[in-house]
Amino acid sequence: MPSFTLTTRVVLHKDDARKQPHPTDAKEYDTLHAEMHSRGYRRFYVNKDKEKLKLPPGEYTIDLDADDGVAARTAAMGKAKAAATIATSEKRFSVLVTGGDNIRGHQLEAVTKDPDA
């Protein structure tokens, strides 16, 4: 079974509409970090020189064995959603998982045009 390294970004919000993010030093993030760690996520990655490099706030990596990239992203998403729900609530977070040759999101804002154009 192949192994996949995935990167997951979690943003915790103060409201159900997900318009007001918590600051990264909020106590909810302490809970998130502990919950993500218990599910196999790390807040660092190891580069080619074997250095451990800390990721930006709210970003995590995980190595998962799966049949394919879709299964790996699905498993990573499930772990992140469970951790974020404990840290805040079922509606007050958004998640982005990348790796396995694609991307997957949960509760991200839909846009009709490039917000930076």
PDB file of N, CA and C in Angstrom:
ATOM      1  N   MET A   1       0.857  -1.172   0.000  1.00  0.00           N
ATOM      2  CA  MET A   1       0.000   0.000   0.000  1.00  0.00           C
ATOM      3  C   MET A   1       0.904   1.236   0.000  1.00  0.00           C
ATOM      4  N   PRO A   2       0.641   2.190  -0.879  1.00  0.00           N
ATOM      5  CA  PRO A   2       1.475   3.399  -0.922  1.00  0.00           C
ATOM      6  C   PRO A   2       1.273   4.292   0.304  1.00  0.00           C
ATOM      7  N   SER A   3       2.296   5.090   0.578  1.00  0.00           N
ATOM      8  CA  SER A   3       2.234   6.063   1.670  1.00  0.00           C
ATOM      9  C   SER A   3       2.139   7.464   1.076  1.00  0.00           C
ATOM     10  N   PHE A   4       1.331   8.303   1.686  1.00  0.00           N
ATOM     11  CA  PHE A   4       1.116   9.670   1.232  1.00  0.00           C
ATOM     12  C   PHE A   4       1.435  10.643   2.356  1.00  0.00           C
ATOM     13  N   THR A   5       2.134  11.722   2.025  1.00  0.00           N
ATOM     14  CA  THR A   5       2.342  12.815   2.966  1.00  0.00           C
ATOM     15  C   THR A   5       1.387  13.925   2.570  1.00  0.00           C
ATOM     16  N   LEU A   6       0.535  14.332   3.507  1.00  0.00           N
ATOM     17  CA  LEU A   6      -0.479  15.342   3.237  1.00  0.00           C
ATOM     18  C   LEU A   6      -0.262  16.539   4.156  1.00  0.00           C
ATOM     19  N   THR A   7      -0.640  17.700   3.667  1.00  0.00           N
ATOM     20  CA  THR A   7      -0.601  18.926   4.459  1.00  0.00           C
ATOM     21  C   THR A   7      -2.034  19.372   4.683  1.00  0.00           C
ATOM     22  N   THR A   8      -2.337  19.727   5.921  1.00  0.00           N
ATOM     23  CA  THR A   8      -3.687  20.146   6.286  1.00  0.00           C
ATOM     24  C   THR A   8      -3.634  21.506   6.957  1.00  0.00           C
ATOM     25  N   ARG A   9      -4.506  22.398   6.521  1.00  0.00           N
ATOM     26  CA  ARG A   9      -4.636  23.736   7.102  1.00  0.00           C
ATOM     27  C   ARG A   9      -5.985  23.801   7.793  1.00  0.00           C
ATOM     28  N   VAL A  10      -5.991  24.172   9.083  1.00  0.00           N
ATOM     29  CA  VAL A  10      -7.229  24.292   9.849  1.00  0.00           C
ATOM     30  C   VAL A  10      -7.328  25.720  10.367  1.00  0.00           C
ATOM     31  N   VAL A  11      -8.470  26.353  10.129  1.00  0.00           N
ATOM     32  CA  VAL A  11      -8.750  27.682  10.681  1.00  0.00           C
ATOM     33  C   VAL A  11      -9.961  27.548  11.586  1.00  0.00           C
ATOM     34  N   LEU A  12      -9.806  27.995  12.820  1.00  0.00           N
ATOM     35  CA  LEU A  12     -10.914  27.988  13.783  1.00  0.00           C
ATOM     36  C   LEU A  12     -11.573  29.355  13.779  1.00  0.00           C
ATOM     37  N   HIS A  13     -12.908  29.368  13.837  1.00  0.00           N
ATOM     38  CA  HIS A  13     -13.672  30.603  13.745  1.00  0.00           C
ATOM     39  C   HIS A  13     -14.476  30.852  15.017  1.00  0.00           C
ATOM     40  N   LYS A  14     -14.808  32.121  15.243  1.00  0.00           N
ATOM     41  CA  LYS A  14     -15.587  32.525  16.419  1.00  0.00           C
ATOM     42  C   LYS A  14     -17.082  32.387  16.195  1.00  0.00           C
ATOM     43  N   ASP A  15     -17.511  32.260  14.933  1.00  0.00           N
ATOM     44  CA  ASP A  15     -18.940  32.268  14.626  1.00  0.00           C
ATOM     45  C   ASP A  15     -19.286  31.164  13.634  1.00  0.00           C
ATOM     46  N   ASP A  16     -20.561  30.749  13.629  1.00  0.00           N
ATOM     47  CA  ASP A  16     -21.013  29.680  12.742  1.00  0.00           C
ATOM     48  C   ASP A  16     -20.889  30.046  11.269  1.00  0.00           C
ATOM     49  N   ALA A  17     -20.936  31.322  10.929  1.00  0.00           N
ATOM     50  CA  ALA A  17     -20.812  31.745   9.532  1.00  0.00           C
ATOM     51  C   ALA A  17     -19.357  31.713   9.065  1.00  0.00           C
ATOM     52  N   ARG A  18     -18.431  31.469   9.983  1.00  0.00           N
ATOM     53  CA  ARG A  18     -17.006  31.381   9.688  1.00  0.00           C
ATOM     54  C   ARG A  18     -16.457  32.678   9.086  1.00  0.00           C
ATOM     55  N   LYS A  19     -16.916  33.808   9.614  1.00  0.00           N
ATOM     56  CA  LYS A  19     -16.461  35.116   9.145  1.00  0.00           C
ATOM     57  C   LYS A  19     -15.386  35.715  10.047  1.00  0.00           C
ATOM     58  N   GLN A  20     -15.324  35.276  11.315  1.00  0.00           N
ATOM     59  CA  GLN A  20     -14.387  35.848  12.282  1.00  0.00           C
ATOM     60  C   GLN A  20     -13.454  34.755  12.806  1.00  0.00           C
ATOM     61  N   PRO A  21     -12.228  34.677  12.289  1.00  0.00           N
ATOM     62  CA  PRO A  21     -11.308  33.650  12.780  1.00  0.00           C
ATOM     63  C   PRO A  21     -10.786  33.970  14.182  1.00  0.00           C
ATOM     64  N   HIS A  22     -10.508  32.911  14.917  1.00  0.00           N
ATOM     65  CA  HIS A  22      -9.827  33.080  16.206  1.00  0.00           C
ATOM     66  C   HIS A  22      -8.379  33.484  15.924  1.00  0.00           C
ATOM     67  N   PRO A  23      -7.776  34.288  16.791  1.00  0.00           N
ATOM     68  CA  PRO A  23      -6.334  34.531  16.650  1.00  0.00           C
ATOM     69  C   PRO A  23      -5.588  33.215  16.900  1.00  0.00           C
ATOM     70  N   THR A  24      -4.433  33.056  16.291  1.00  0.00           N
ATOM     71  CA  THR A  24      -3.718  31.782  16.402  1.00  0.00           C
ATOM     72  C   THR A  24      -3.212  31.494  17.808  1.00  0.00           C
ATOM     73  N   ASP A  25      -3.256  32.491  18.701  1.00  0.00           N
ATOM     74  CA  ASP A  25      -2.848  32.228  20.084  1.00  0.00           C
ATOM     75  C   ASP A  25      -4.045  31.963  21.007  1.00  0.00           C
ATOM     76  N   ALA A  26      -5.243  31.800  20.436  1.00  0.00           N
ATOM     77  CA  ALA A  26      -6.440  31.504  21.234  1.00  0.00           C
ATOM     78  C   ALA A  26      -6.330  30.107  21.854  1.00  0.00           C
ATOM     79  N   LYS A  27      -6.969  29.931  23.003  1.00  0.00           N
ATOM     80  CA  LYS A  27      -6.907  28.644  23.713  1.00  0.00           C
ATOM     81  C   LYS A  27      -7.469  27.496  22.871  1.00  0.00           C
ATOM     82  N   GLU A  28      -8.384  27.808  21.967  1.00  0.00           N
ATOM     83  CA  GLU A  28      -8.948  26.779  21.096  1.00  0.00           C
ATOM     84  C   GLU A  28      -7.858  26.106  20.252  1.00  0.00           C
ATOM     85  N   TYR A  29      -6.831  26.882  19.877  1.00  0.00           N
ATOM     86  CA  TYR A  29      -5.744  26.289  19.098  1.00  0.00           C
ATOM     87  C   TYR A  29      -4.904  25.334  19.926  1.00  0.00           C
ATOM     88  N   ASP A  30      -4.764  25.581  21.222  1.00  0.00           N
ATOM     89  CA  ASP A  30      -4.056  24.626  22.083  1.00  0.00           C
ATOM     90  C   ASP A  30      -4.774  23.283  22.055  1.00  0.00           C
ATOM     91  N   THR A  31      -6.102  23.323  22.140  1.00  0.00           N
ATOM     92  CA  THR A  31      -6.896  22.097  22.068  1.00  0.00           C
ATOM     93  C   THR A  31      -6.734  21.448  20.704  1.00  0.00           C
ATOM     94  N   LEU A  32      -6.792  22.252  19.637  1.00  0.00           N
ATOM     95  CA  LEU A  32      -6.633  21.715  18.284  1.00  0.00           C
ATOM     96  C   LEU A  32      -5.285  21.025  18.130  1.00  0.00           C
ATOM     97  N   HIS A  33      -4.209  21.672  18.571  1.00  0.00           N
ATOM     98  CA  HIS A  33      -2.875  21.080  18.434  1.00  0.00           C
ATOM     99  C   HIS A  33      -2.814  19.717  19.119  1.00  0.00           C
ATOM    100  N   ALA A  34      -3.347  19.631  20.319  1.00  0.00           N
ATOM    101  CA  ALA A  34      -3.334  18.365  21.059  1.00  0.00           C
ATOM    102  C   ALA A  34      -4.163  17.300  20.343  1.00  0.00           C
ATOM    103  N   GLU A  35      -5.333  17.683  19.845  1.00  0.00           N
ATOM    104  CA  GLU A  35      -6.204  16.727  19.153  1.00  0.00           C
ATOM    105  C   GLU A  35      -5.592  16.269  17.823  1.00  0.00           C
ATOM    106  N   MET A  36      -4.991  17.191  17.093  1.00  0.00           N
ATOM    107  CA  MET A  36      -4.346  16.822  15.825  1.00  0.00           C
ATOM    108  C   MET A  36      -3.165  15.886  16.100  1.00  0.00           C
ATOM    109  N   HIS A  37      -2.378  16.196  17.110  1.00  0.00           N
ATOM    110  CA  HIS A  37      -1.228  15.363  17.458  1.00  0.00           C
ATOM    111  C   HIS A  37      -1.677  13.947  17.825  1.00  0.00           C
ATOM    112  N   SER A  38      -2.761  13.846  18.575  1.00  0.00           N
ATOM    113  CA  SER A  38      -3.249  12.523  18.987  1.00  0.00           C
ATOM    114  C   SER A  38      -3.728  11.695  17.795  1.00  0.00           C
ATOM    115  N   ARG A  39      -3.990  12.362  16.670  1.00  0.00           N
ATOM    116  CA  ARG A  39      -4.443  11.672  15.457  1.00  0.00           C
ATOM    117  C   ARG A  39      -3.310  11.452  14.458  1.00  0.00           C
ATOM    118  N   GLY A  40      -2.076  11.753  14.867  1.00  0.00           N
ATOM    119  CA  GLY A  40      -0.930  11.486  13.999  1.00  0.00           C
ATOM    120  C   GLY A  40      -0.395  12.676  13.236  1.00  0.00           C
ATOM    121  N   TYR A  41      -0.989  13.841  13.409  1.00  0.00           N
ATOM    122  CA  TYR A  41      -0.516  15.047  12.724  1.00  0.00           C
ATOM    123  C   TYR A  41       0.690  15.650  13.442  1.00  0.00           C
ATOM    124  N   ARG A  42       1.545  16.330  12.676  1.00  0.00           N
ATOM    125  CA  ARG A  42       2.707  17.038  13.210  1.00  0.00           C
ATOM    126  C   ARG A  42       2.637  18.498  12.782  1.00  0.00           C
ATOM    127  N   ARG A  43       3.259  19.379  13.579  1.00  0.00           N
ATOM    128  CA  ARG A  43       3.330  20.800  13.212  1.00  0.00           C
ATOM    129  C   ARG A  43       4.713  21.129  12.658  1.00  0.00           C
ATOM    130  N   PHE A  44       5.360  20.172  12.053  1.00  0.00           N
ATOM    131  CA  PHE A  44       6.660  20.376  11.427  1.00  0.00           C
ATOM    132  C   PHE A  44       6.792  19.397  10.270  1.00  0.00           C
ATOM    133  N   TYR A  45       7.809  19.625   9.457  1.00  0.00           N
ATOM    134  CA  TYR A  45       8.174  18.629   8.452  1.00  0.00           C
ATOM    135  C   TYR A  45       9.685  18.496   8.461  1.00  0.00           C
ATOM    136  N   VAL A  46      10.179  17.418   7.893  1.00  0.00           N
ATOM    137  CA  VAL A  46      11.615  17.161   7.829  1.00  0.00           C
ATOM    138  C   VAL A  46      12.057  17.389   6.391  1.00  0.00           C
ATOM    139  N   ASN A  47      13.040  18.300   6.212  1.00  0.00           N
ATOM    140  CA  ASN A  47      13.508  18.591   4.857  1.00  0.00           C
ATOM    141  C   ASN A  47      14.580  17.588   4.418  1.00  0.00           C
ATOM    142  N   LYS A  48      15.116  17.781   3.213  1.00  0.00           N
ATOM    143  CA  LYS A  48      16.099  16.839   2.659  1.00  0.00           C
ATOM    144  C   LYS A  48      17.388  16.792   3.461  1.00  0.00           C
ATOM    145  N   ASP A  49      17.673  17.843   4.251  1.00  0.00           N
ATOM    146  CA  ASP A  49      18.864  17.859   5.110  1.00  0.00           C
ATOM    147  C   ASP A  49      18.580  17.307   6.498  1.00  0.00           C
ATOM    148  N   LYS A  50      17.401  16.684   6.668  1.00  0.00           N
ATOM    149  CA  LYS A  50      16.974  16.073   7.936  1.00  0.00           C
ATOM    150  C   LYS A  50      16.723  17.098   9.042  1.00  0.00           C
ATOM    151  N   GLU A  51      16.469  18.357   8.671  1.00  0.00           N
ATOM    152  CA  GLU A  51      16.107  19.385   9.646  1.00  0.00           C
ATOM    153  C   GLU A  51      14.594  19.343   9.860  1.00  0.00           C
ATOM    154  N   LYS A  52      14.159  19.528  11.098  1.00  0.00           N
ATOM    155  CA  LYS A  52      12.736  19.659  11.394  1.00  0.00           C
ATOM    156  C   LYS A  52      12.398  21.137  11.299  1.00  0.00           C
ATOM    157  N   LEU A  53      11.457  21.474  10.434  1.00  0.00           N
ATOM    158  CA  LEU A  53      11.055  22.858  10.223  1.00  0.00           C
ATOM    159  C   LEU A  53       9.607  23.040  10.649  1.00  0.00           C
ATOM    160  N   LYS A  54       9.380  24.021  11.519  1.00  0.00           N
ATOM    161  CA  LYS A  54       8.045  24.291  12.056  1.00  0.00           C
ATOM    162  C   LYS A  54       7.160  24.907  10.975  1.00  0.00           C
ATOM    163  N   LEU A  55       5.931  24.444  10.914  1.00  0.00           N
ATOM    164  CA  LEU A  55       4.960  24.951   9.950  1.00  0.00           C
ATOM    165  C   LEU A  55       4.291  26.217  10.490  1.00  0.00           C
ATOM    166  N   PRO A  56       3.704  27.030   9.597  1.00  0.00           N
ATOM    167  CA  PRO A  56       2.947  28.203  10.054  1.00  0.00           C
ATOM    168  C   PRO A  56       1.765  27.783  10.933  1.00  0.00           C
ATOM    169  N   PRO A  57       1.238  28.703  11.726  1.00  0.00           N
ATOM    170  CA  PRO A  57       0.110  28.376  12.610  1.00  0.00           C
ATOM    171  C   PRO A  57      -1.065  27.761  11.844  1.00  0.00           C
ATOM    172  N   GLY A  58      -1.628  26.700  12.409  1.00  0.00           N
ATOM    173  CA  GLY A  58      -2.793  26.056  11.819  1.00  0.00           C
ATOM    174  C   GLY A  58      -2.475  25.075  10.705  1.00  0.00           C
ATOM    175  N   GLU A  59      -1.182  24.833  10.420  1.00  0.00           N
ATOM    176  CA  GLU A  59      -0.806  23.887   9.374  1.00  0.00           C
ATOM    177  C   GLU A  59      -0.148  22.665   9.996  1.00  0.00           C
ATOM    178  N   TYR A  60      -0.467  21.508   9.416  1.00  0.00           N
ATOM    179  CA  TYR A  60      -0.021  20.223   9.942  1.00  0.00           C
ATOM    180  C   TYR A  60       0.345  19.300   8.786  1.00  0.00           C
ATOM    181  N   THR A  61       1.194  18.313   9.065  1.00  0.00           N
ATOM    182  CA  THR A  61       1.465  17.258   8.091  1.00  0.00           C
ATOM    183  C   THR A  61       1.135  15.916   8.717  1.00  0.00           C
ATOM    184  N   ILE A  62       0.855  14.962   7.850  1.00  0.00           N
ATOM    185  CA  ILE A  62       0.575  13.596   8.295  1.00  0.00           C
ATOM    186  C   ILE A  62       0.995  12.644   7.185  1.00  0.00           C
ATOM    187  N   ASP A  63       1.516  11.485   7.569  1.00  0.00           N
ATOM    188  CA  ASP A  63       1.839  10.414   6.630  1.00  0.00           C
ATOM    189  C   ASP A  63       0.794   9.327   6.803  1.00  0.00           C
ATOM    190  N   LEU A  64       0.153   8.952   5.706  1.00  0.00           N
ATOM    191  CA  LEU A  64      -0.900   7.937   5.762  1.00  0.00           C
ATOM    192  C   LEU A  64      -0.685   6.896   4.673  1.00  0.00           C
ATOM    193  N   ASP A  65      -0.906   5.651   5.015  1.00  0.00           N
ATOM    194  CA  ASP A  65      -0.939   4.583   4.030  1.00  0.00           C
ATOM    195  C   ASP A  65      -2.366   4.477   3.518  1.00  0.00           C
ATOM    196  N   ALA A  66      -2.508   4.452   2.193  1.00  0.00           N
ATOM    197  CA  ALA A  66      -3.842   4.368   1.587  1.00  0.00           C
ATOM    198  C   ALA A  66      -3.714   3.773   0.192  1.00  0.00           C
ATOM    199  N   ASP A  67      -4.827   3.309  -0.355  1.00  0.00           N
ATOM    200  CA  ASP A  67      -4.823   2.735  -1.697  1.00  0.00           C
ATOM    201  C   ASP A  67      -4.504   3.769  -2.765  1.00  0.00           C
ATOM    202  N   ASP A  68      -4.953   5.025  -2.525  1.00  0.00           N
ATOM    203  CA  ASP A  68      -4.723   6.089  -3.502  1.00  0.00           C
ATOM    204  C   ASP A  68      -4.839   7.447  -2.817  1.00  0.00           C
ATOM    205  N   GLY A  69      -4.601   8.509  -3.595  1.00  0.00           N
ATOM    206  CA  GLY A  69      -4.650   9.857  -3.044  1.00  0.00           C
ATOM    207  C   GLY A  69      -6.014  10.238  -2.508  1.00  0.00           C
ATOM    208  N   VAL A  70      -7.063   9.801  -3.166  1.00  0.00           N
ATOM    209  CA  VAL A  70      -8.426  10.115  -2.704  1.00  0.00           C
ATOM    210  C   VAL A  70      -8.657   9.534  -1.316  1.00  0.00           C
ATOM    211  N   ALA A  71      -8.282   8.291  -1.128  1.00  0.00           N
ATOM    212  CA  ALA A  71      -8.472   7.643   0.176  1.00  0.00           C
ATOM    213  C   ALA A  71      -7.613   8.322   1.241  1.00  0.00           C
ATOM    214  N   ALA A  72      -6.416   8.716   0.874  1.00  0.00           N
ATOM    215  CA  ALA A  72      -5.529   9.400   1.832  1.00  0.00           C
ATOM    216  C   ALA A  72      -6.114  10.743   2.244  1.00  0.00           C
ATOM    217  N   ARG A  73      -6.591  11.532   1.270  1.00  0.00           N
ATOM    218  CA  ARG A  73      -7.193  12.833   1.592  1.00  0.00           C
ATOM    219  C   ARG A  73      -8.464  12.669   2.416  1.00  0.00           C
ATOM    220  N   THR A  74      -9.258  11.663   2.106  1.00  0.00           N
ATOM    221  CA  THR A  74     -10.485  11.411   2.858  1.00  0.00           C
ATOM    222  C   THR A  74     -10.160  11.072   4.313  1.00  0.00           C
ATOM    223  N   ALA A  75      -9.163  10.241   4.533  1.00  0.00           N
ATOM    224  CA  ALA A  75      -8.772   9.880   5.900  1.00  0.00           C
ATOM    225  C   ALA A  75      -8.210  11.086   6.643  1.00  0.00           C
ATOM    226  N   ALA A  76      -7.363  11.866   5.977  1.00  0.00           N
ATOM    227  CA  ALA A  76      -6.779  13.056   6.606  1.00  0.00           C
ATOM    228  C   ALA A  76      -7.869  14.062   6.961  1.00  0.00           C
ATOM    229  N   MET A  77      -8.832  14.247   6.070  1.00  0.00           N
ATOM    230  CA  MET A  77      -9.935  15.173   6.315  1.00  0.00           C
ATOM    231  C   MET A  77     -10.753  14.719   7.518  1.00  0.00           C
ATOM    232  N   GLY A  78     -11.051  13.445   7.603  1.00  0.00           N
ATOM    233  CA  GLY A  78     -11.837  12.935   8.733  1.00  0.00           C
ATOM    234  C   GLY A  78     -11.140  13.179  10.063  1.00  0.00           C
ATOM    235  N   LYS A  79      -9.835  12.953  10.097  1.00  0.00           N
ATOM    236  CA  LYS A  79      -9.074  13.184  11.324  1.00  0.00           C
ATOM    237  C   LYS A  79      -9.081  14.663  11.694  1.00  0.00           C
ATOM    238  N   ALA A  80      -8.890  15.540  10.711  1.00  0.00           N
ATOM    239  CA  ALA A  80      -8.854  16.984  10.974  1.00  0.00           C
ATOM    240  C   ALA A  80     -10.224  17.501  11.418  1.00  0.00           C
ATOM    241  N   LYS A  81     -11.293  17.047  10.782  1.00  0.00           N
ATOM    242  CA  LYS A  81     -12.632  17.485  11.173  1.00  0.00           C
ATOM    243  C   LYS A  81     -12.965  17.052  12.595  1.00  0.00           C
ATOM    244  N   ALA A  82     -12.592  15.838  12.975  1.00  0.00           N
ATOM    245  CA  ALA A  82     -12.851  15.373  14.332  1.00  0.00           C
ATOM    246  C   ALA A  82     -12.092  16.221  15.351  1.00  0.00           C
ATOM    247  N   ALA A  83     -10.843  16.530  15.056  1.00  0.00           N
ATOM    248  CA  ALA A  83     -10.039  17.348  15.977  1.00  0.00           C
ATOM    249  C   ALA A  83     -10.586  18.758  16.081  1.00  0.00           C
ATOM    250  N   ALA A  84     -10.939  19.362  14.941  1.00  0.00           N
ATOM    251  CA  ALA A  84     -11.447  20.736  14.942  1.00  0.00           C
ATOM    252  C   ALA A  84     -12.797  20.844  15.641  1.00  0.00           C
ATOM    253  N   THR A  85     -13.648  19.838  15.492  1.00  0.00           N
ATOM    254  CA  THR A  85     -14.945  19.850  16.158  1.00  0.00           C
ATOM    255  C   THR A  85     -14.767  19.857  17.676  1.00  0.00           C
ATOM    256  N   ILE A  86     -13.813  19.114  18.184  1.00  0.00           N
ATOM    257  CA  ILE A  86     -13.541  19.109  19.620  1.00  0.00           C
ATOM    258  C   ILE A  86     -12.972  20.458  20.058  1.00  0.00           C
ATOM    259  N   ALA A  87     -12.136  21.069  19.220  1.00  0.00           N
ATOM    260  CA  ALA A  87     -11.499  22.340  19.575  1.00  0.00           C
ATOM    261  C   ALA A  87     -12.472  23.506  19.582  1.00  0.00           C
ATOM    262  N   THR A  88     -13.503  23.460  18.744  1.00  0.00           N
ATOM    263  CA  THR A  88     -14.431  24.599  18.664  1.00  0.00           C
ATOM    264  C   THR A  88     -15.881  24.114  18.601  1.00  0.00           C
ATOM    265  N   SER A  89     -16.387  23.760  17.448  1.00  0.00           N
ATOM    266  CA  SER A  89     -17.723  23.178  17.283  1.00  0.00           C
ATOM    267  C   SER A  89     -17.810  22.627  15.873  1.00  0.00           C
ATOM    268  N   GLU A  90     -18.901  21.954  15.577  1.00  0.00           N
ATOM    269  CA  GLU A  90     -19.062  21.313  14.268  1.00  0.00           C
ATOM    270  C   GLU A  90     -19.056  22.301  13.103  1.00  0.00           C
ATOM    271  N   LYS A  91     -19.469  23.544  13.336  1.00  0.00           N
ATOM    272  CA  LYS A  91     -19.583  24.524  12.253  1.00  0.00           C
ATOM    273  C   LYS A  91     -18.509  25.596  12.257  1.00  0.00           C
ATOM    274  N   ARG A  92     -17.714  25.706  13.308  1.00  0.00           N
ATOM    275  CA  ARG A  92     -16.818  26.855  13.460  1.00  0.00           C
ATOM    276  C   ARG A  92     -15.371  26.578  13.073  1.00  0.00           C
ATOM    277  N   PHE A  93     -15.187  25.942  11.934  1.00  0.00           N
ATOM    278  CA  PHE A  93     -13.843  25.721  11.416  1.00  0.00           C
ATOM    279  C   PHE A  93     -13.910  25.498   9.917  1.00  0.00           C
ATOM    280  N   SER A  94     -12.772  25.645   9.278  1.00  0.00           N
ATOM    281  CA  SER A  94     -12.635  25.267   7.875  1.00  0.00           C
ATOM    282  C   SER A  94     -11.329  24.497   7.743  1.00  0.00           C
ATOM    283  N   VAL A  95     -11.286  23.586   6.762  1.00  0.00           N
ATOM    284  CA  VAL A  95     -10.143  22.698   6.591  1.00  0.00           C
ATOM    285  C   VAL A  95      -9.789  22.605   5.117  1.00  0.00           C
ATOM    286  N   LEU A  96      -8.488  22.560   4.846  1.00  0.00           N
ATOM    287  CA  LEU A  96      -7.971  22.340   3.498  1.00  0.00           C
ATOM    288  C   LEU A  96      -6.917  21.249   3.592  1.00  0.00           C
ATOM    289  N   VAL A  97      -7.039  20.200   2.773  1.00  0.00           N
ATOM    290  CA  VAL A  97      -6.070  19.112   2.739  1.00  0.00           C
ATOM    291  C   VAL A  97      -5.467  19.054   1.343  1.00  0.00           C
ATOM    292  N   THR A  98      -4.130  19.049   1.279  1.00  0.00           N
ATOM    293  CA  THR A  98      -3.437  18.931   0.000  1.00  0.00           C
ATOM    294  C   THR A  98      -2.493  17.746   0.048  1.00  0.00           C
ATOM    295  N   GLY A  99      -2.245  17.176  -1.113  1.00  0.00           N
ATOM    296  CA  GLY A  99      -1.341  16.040  -1.244  1.00  0.00           C
ATOM    297  C   GLY A  99      -2.028  14.932  -2.014  1.00  0.00           C
ATOM    298  N   GLY A 100      -1.275  13.923  -2.380  1.00  0.00           N
ATOM    299  CA  GLY A 100      -1.850  12.831  -3.156  1.00  0.00           C
ATOM    300  C   GLY A 100      -2.364  13.304  -4.499  1.00  0.00           C
ATOM    301  N   ASP A 101      -1.693  14.305  -5.079  1.00  0.00           N
ATOM    302  CA  ASP A 101      -1.983  14.846  -6.411  1.00  0.00           C
ATOM    303  C   ASP A 101      -3.312  15.570  -6.541  1.00  0.00           C
ATOM    304  N   ASN A 102      -3.847  16.113  -5.436  1.00  0.00           N
ATOM    305  CA  ASN A 102      -5.079  16.885  -5.542  1.00  0.00           C
ATOM    306  C   ASN A 102      -5.269  17.695  -4.271  1.00  0.00           C
ATOM    307  N   ILE A 103      -6.475  18.226  -4.096  1.00  0.00           N
ATOM    308  CA  ILE A 103      -6.800  19.101  -2.975  1.00  0.00           C
ATOM    309  C   ILE A 103      -8.233  18.820  -2.545  1.00  0.00           C
ATOM    310  N   ARG A 104      -8.524  19.018  -1.260  1.00  0.00           N
ATOM    311  CA  ARG A 104      -9.881  18.793  -0.742  1.00  0.00           C
ATOM    312  C   ARG A 104     -10.166  19.826   0.333  1.00  0.00           C
ATOM    313  N   GLY A 105     -11.375  20.386   0.339  1.00  0.00           N
ATOM    314  CA  GLY A 105     -11.742  21.396   1.320  1.00  0.00           C
ATOM    315  C   GLY A 105     -13.036  21.065   2.035  1.00  0.00           C
ATOM    316  N   HIS A 106     -13.238  21.726   3.181  1.00  0.00           N
ATOM    317  CA  HIS A 106     -14.460  21.559   3.970  1.00  0.00           C
ATOM    318  C   HIS A 106     -14.822  22.901   4.579  1.00  0.00           C
ATOM    319  N   GLN A 107     -16.044  23.365   4.310  1.00  0.00           N
ATOM    320  CA  GLN A 107     -16.569  24.622   4.855  1.00  0.00           C
ATOM    321  C   GLN A 107     -15.728  25.832   4.443  1.00  0.00           C
ATOM    322  N   LEU A 108     -15.219  25.803   3.215  1.00  0.00           N
ATOM    323  CA  LEU A 108     -14.498  26.953   2.687  1.00  0.00           C
ATOM    324  C   LEU A 108     -15.487  27.876   1.997  1.00  0.00           C
ATOM    325  N   GLU A 109     -15.212  29.163   1.983  1.00  0.00           N
ATOM    326  CA  GLU A 109     -16.087  30.140   1.363  1.00  0.00           C
ATOM    327  C   GLU A 109     -16.062  29.973  -0.160  1.00  0.00           C
ATOM    328  N   ALA A 110     -17.232  29.951  -0.780  1.00  0.00           N
ATOM    329  CA  ALA A 110     -17.323  29.905  -2.231  1.00  0.00           C
ATOM    330  C   ALA A 110     -17.197  31.307  -2.804  1.00  0.00           C
ATOM    331  N   VAL A 111     -16.445  31.458  -3.882  1.00  0.00           N
ATOM    332  CA  VAL A 111     -16.278  32.757  -4.527  1.00  0.00           C
ATOM    333  C   VAL A 111     -16.613  32.614  -6.006  1.00  0.00           C
ATOM    334  N   THR A 112     -17.040  33.710  -6.605  1.00  0.00           N
ATOM    335  CA  THR A 112     -17.385  33.676  -8.031  1.00  0.00           C
ATOM    336  C   THR A 112     -16.272  34.223  -8.901  1.00  0.00           C
ATOM    337  N   LYS A 113     -15.285  34.899  -8.293  1.00  0.00           N
ATOM    338  CA  LYS A 113     -14.154  35.418  -9.056  1.00  0.00           C
ATOM    339  C   LYS A 113     -12.920  35.419  -8.163  1.00  0.00           C
ATOM    340  N   ASP A 114     -11.779  35.590  -8.772  1.00  0.00           N
ATOM    341  CA  ASP A 114     -10.517  35.659  -8.047  1.00  0.00           C
ATOM    342  C   ASP A 114     -10.543  36.852  -7.103  1.00  0.00           C
ATOM    343  N   PRO A 115     -10.450  36.650  -5.774  1.00  0.00           N
ATOM    344  CA  PRO A 115     -10.538  37.770  -4.837  1.00  0.00           C
ATOM    345  C   PRO A 115      -9.351  38.731  -4.943  1.00  0.00           C
ATOM    346  N   ASP A 116      -8.289  38.342  -5.618  1.00  0.00           N
ATOM    347  CA  ASP A 116      -7.120  39.214  -5.738  1.00  0.00           C
ATOM    348  C   ASP A 116      -7.001  39.858  -7.119  1.00  0.00           C
ATOM    349  N   ALA A 117      -7.960  39.581  -7.992  1.00  0.00           N
ATOM    350  CA  ALA A 117      -7.900  40.147  -9.353  1.00  0.00           C
ATOM    351  C   ALA A 117      -8.355  41.590  -9.380  1.00  0.00           C
TER     352      ALA A 117
END
